[in-house]
Structures are given as C-alpha cells and as structure tokens.
Amino acid sequence: MSIRKAIGAASALTLFAIALLVWATTHKDSAINVTVSFAGYTNTANRVRLAVLRVNNGSAIMVRRWAVYDVKVKSERMPRRPRCFGQDTLLAPGQSELYLFPAYTNEGDWRVMLYFSKADLHLSLVDAREKLPSCLRRLVPTSFQSVPSEPVWSDWITN
C-alpha cells in the first residue's frame, strides 16, 4: 500500500472516530411521531384509481421515509410483499407530504405501512459508509452498517 493510501485511510478512520465520538456525546433519544392518513382518491389520465395518503412528521426531529411500503388487506392474514416507490425522502419536523398508492378498491378494507428512521448523525454515518471503498467499509463497526426503522400504519381505508 502506498504512503498516500495509508494516510488517506488513516485520515478517514480518524474522521469517522471523531464523528462517532460527537454522535455518542450529543445523541438525544427523540421518538419518531409520524402519522399516515387517508386523504382521498384520485384518477390518472388512464383512469387508474390511486389512493392519496398524507404523511405528517409530528416529531421534533427530521425523519427519513424509506422508499418501501407494505399493504395489508383486512381479509388476508399476512401483509403483502413489500413494494418500492420513489426514493427515500427527508421530512422536517412539522412537514407533511402527499403520496399516491395503487388503490385496493376491490379487496375490502386495506391499509399501508411506511417505514421511517431518525435522520441523525447515525444515519449520516451509515450513508457515508456506503460511499467508502470496500477495503475501508469492512473496518466500520457493525452498529454503523444499518439503521433501525419504525413501521407506521395508515388508518384502515374503507371502500
């Protein structure tokens, strides 16, 4: 390994250690308070019916909405397989957004589950880890290889 690569690796690890120390000393355990509520139906130009859901971040912290969701039809025992939509989104405290989902109008009552995580230094470090070269990524502690997420169900949508 060349001296430049060694210095670069040492610098990256030092910055990571400093960030970890800052996070450990300033981390506040704020709860995620997000609601997902049904706002109505709309139709596309092709007459496809879509459900409009409002997501409101009532937390005191910024949260990330992950680009995956589950659907639970009341008459079925298990939720359907997760689906992806759009991209991850950051929601500031008090911010609301509207999202469109395919409407399950022929299958009885149903609801949607979205996933949220705190958008804190831990999340930033996990994101930064993904950008590291693979030789350095292995050196990152396992606690920074993933972020816990909290599922939030919408209310039941009645057809």
Protein backbone atom coordinates (compact mmCIF):
# COMPACT_ATOMS: atom_id res chain seq x y z
CA MET A 1 0.00 0.00 0.00
CA SER A 2 1.42 3.41 -0.94
CA ILE A 3 2.01 6.09 1.67
CA ARG A 4 -0.76 8.27 0.21
CA LYS A 5 -3.31 5.48 0.50
CA ALA A 6 -2.21 4.77 4.07
CA ILE A 7 -2.52 8.45 5.01
CA GLY A 8 -5.93 8.64 3.31
CA ALA A 9 -7.16 5.55 5.14
CA ALA A 10 -5.85 6.84 8.48
CA SER A 11 -7.49 10.23 7.87
CA ALA A 12 -10.82 8.62 7.01
CA LEU A 13 -10.73 6.44 10.11
CA THR A 14 -9.80 9.41 12.29
CA LEU A 15 -12.70 11.47 10.93
CA PHE A 16 -15.03 8.53 11.44
CA ALA A 17 -13.84 8.13 15.05
CA ILE A 18 -14.39 11.85 15.73
CA ALA A 19 -17.88 11.70 14.21
CA LEU A 20 -18.65 8.64 16.32
CA LEU A 21 -17.49 10.42 19.46
CA VAL A 22 -19.60 13.50 18.64
CA TRP A 23 -22.63 11.33 17.97
CA ALA A 24 -22.18 9.35 21.19
CA THR A 25 -21.96 12.50 23.31
CA THR A 26 -24.76 14.51 21.64
CA HIS A 27 -27.24 11.76 20.74
CA LYS A 28 -30.72 12.53 22.03
CA ASP A 29 -33.32 9.83 22.21
CA SER A 30 -36.19 11.63 20.45
CA ALA A 31 -39.13 9.50 19.45
CA ILE A 32 -40.49 9.31 15.92
CA ASN A 33 -44.05 10.66 15.82
CA VAL A 34 -45.31 10.22 12.26
CA THR A 35 -48.89 9.74 11.10
CA VAL A 36 -50.10 8.30 7.80
CA SER A 37 -53.70 9.14 6.99
CA PHE A 38 -56.01 8.59 4.03
CA ALA A 39 -56.78 11.84 2.15
CA GLY A 40 -58.98 10.54 -0.67
CA TYR A 41 -58.84 9.04 -4.13
CA THR A 42 -57.74 10.41 -7.48
CA ASN A 43 -57.55 9.01 -11.01
CA THR A 44 -54.77 9.05 -13.56
CA ALA A 45 -55.31 10.04 -17.20
CA ASN A 46 -55.65 6.29 -17.90
CA ARG A 47 -58.47 6.01 -15.32
CA VAL A 48 -56.35 4.11 -12.81
CA ARG A 49 -57.60 4.80 -9.29
CA LEU A 50 -54.99 5.93 -6.78
CA ALA A 51 -55.26 6.47 -3.05
CA VAL A 52 -53.83 9.72 -1.68
CA LEU A 53 -52.13 9.37 1.71
CA ARG A 54 -50.84 12.25 3.82
CA VAL A 55 -47.68 11.69 5.84
CA ASN A 56 -47.15 14.14 8.69
CA ASN A 57 -43.96 14.35 10.72
CA GLY A 58 -45.10 15.40 14.19
CA SER A 59 -41.66 14.63 15.61
CA ALA A 60 -39.24 17.19 16.98
CA ILE A 61 -36.60 15.70 14.68
CA MET A 62 -36.10 15.18 10.95
CA VAL A 63 -37.01 11.68 9.74
CA ARG A 64 -36.31 9.65 6.62
CA ARG A 65 -39.19 7.94 4.87
CA TRP A 66 -37.80 4.85 3.21
CA ALA A 67 -38.88 4.11 -0.36
CA VAL A 68 -40.66 0.88 0.53
CA TYR A 69 -44.17 0.11 1.74
CA ASP A 70 -46.37 -2.84 2.69
CA VAL A 71 -50.08 -3.28 2.06
CA LYS A 72 -52.39 -5.17 4.42
CA VAL A 73 -55.82 -6.18 3.20
CA LYS A 74 -58.10 -6.81 6.21
CA SER A 75 -59.42 -10.12 4.86
CA GLU A 76 -55.87 -11.53 4.44
CA ARG A 77 -53.81 -12.98 7.26
CA MET A 78 -50.41 -11.52 6.28
CA PRO A 79 -49.32 -8.25 4.68
CA ARG A 80 -48.45 -8.47 1.02
CA ARG A 81 -44.83 -8.46 -0.07
CA PRO A 82 -43.10 -5.08 0.30
CA ARG A 83 -43.14 -2.76 -2.69
CA CYS A 84 -40.80 0.07 -3.64
CA PHE A 85 -41.87 3.54 -4.67
CA GLY A 86 -40.00 6.72 -5.50
CA GLN A 87 -36.91 7.38 -3.45
CA ASP A 88 -36.13 7.95 0.21
CA THR A 89 -37.41 11.32 1.45
CA LEU A 90 -36.41 13.50 4.39
CA LEU A 91 -39.24 15.13 6.32
CA ALA A 92 -38.51 18.09 8.59
CA PRO A 93 -40.36 18.48 11.91
CA GLY A 94 -43.95 19.52 11.18
CA GLN A 95 -43.65 18.80 7.45
CA SER A 96 -46.41 16.96 5.57
CA GLU A 97 -46.34 15.31 2.15
CA LEU A 98 -48.87 13.57 -0.04
CA TYR A 99 -48.14 10.22 -1.68
CA LEU A 100 -50.07 8.22 -4.26
CA PHE A 101 -50.55 4.46 -3.98
CA PRO A 102 -52.47 1.97 -6.11
CA ALA A 103 -55.96 1.67 -4.66
CA TYR A 104 -57.09 -1.78 -3.49
CA THR A 105 -60.75 -0.95 -4.09
CA ASN A 106 -61.95 -4.47 -5.00
CA GLU A 107 -60.50 -6.27 -2.00
CA GLY A 108 -62.22 -4.78 1.04
CA ASP A 109 -60.64 -2.65 3.74
CA TRP A 110 -56.89 -2.13 3.46
CA ARG A 111 -54.06 -0.01 4.80
CA VAL A 112 -50.47 0.92 4.04
CA MET A 113 -47.37 0.63 6.22
CA LEU A 114 -44.45 3.01 5.65
CA TYR A 115 -41.03 2.89 7.29
CA PHE A 116 -39.24 5.79 8.99
CA SER A 117 -35.86 6.36 10.63
CA LYS A 118 -34.37 9.24 12.57
CA ALA A 119 -32.32 11.44 10.24
CA ASP A 120 -29.47 11.89 12.66
CA LEU A 121 -25.70 11.52 12.67
CA HIS A 122 -26.04 7.73 12.86
CA LEU A 123 -27.97 7.71 9.56
CA SER A 124 -25.41 10.06 8.01
CA LEU A 125 -22.58 7.76 9.04
CA VAL A 126 -24.37 4.74 7.61
CA ASP A 127 -24.87 6.64 4.34
CA ALA A 128 -21.20 7.70 4.36
CA ARG A 129 -20.11 4.10 4.96
CA GLU A 130 -21.76 3.06 1.70
CA LYS A 131 -19.55 5.54 -0.18
CA LEU A 132 -16.29 4.17 1.26
CA PRO A 133 -14.09 1.81 -0.76
CA SER A 134 -14.81 -1.81 0.11
CA CYS A 135 -11.42 -2.23 1.81
CA LEU A 136 -12.36 0.51 4.32
CA ARG A 137 -16.03 -0.45 4.61
CA ARG A 138 -15.01 -3.67 6.40
CA LEU A 139 -13.40 -1.60 9.17
CA VAL A 140 -16.62 0.18 10.10
CA PRO A 141 -18.28 -1.21 13.25
CA THR A 142 -21.40 -3.29 12.67
CA SER A 143 -23.54 -0.71 14.51
CA PHE A 144 -22.98 1.60 11.54
CA GLN A 145 -23.96 -0.89 8.86
CA SER A 146 -27.70 -0.39 9.22
CA VAL A 147 -30.26 1.96 10.72
CA PRO A 148 -33.27 0.90 12.77
CA SER A 149 -36.57 1.79 11.15
CA GLU A 150 -40.02 2.15 12.65
CA PRO A 151 -43.11 0.97 10.77
CA VAL A 152 -46.14 3.27 10.74
CA TRP A 153 -49.54 2.03 9.56
CA SER A 154 -52.15 4.23 7.94
CA ASP A 155 -55.70 4.06 9.19
CA TRP A 156 -57.94 1.43 7.56
CA ILE A 157 -59.23 2.59 4.17
CA THR A 158 -62.83 1.51 3.61
CA ASN A 159 -64.13 1.17 0.09
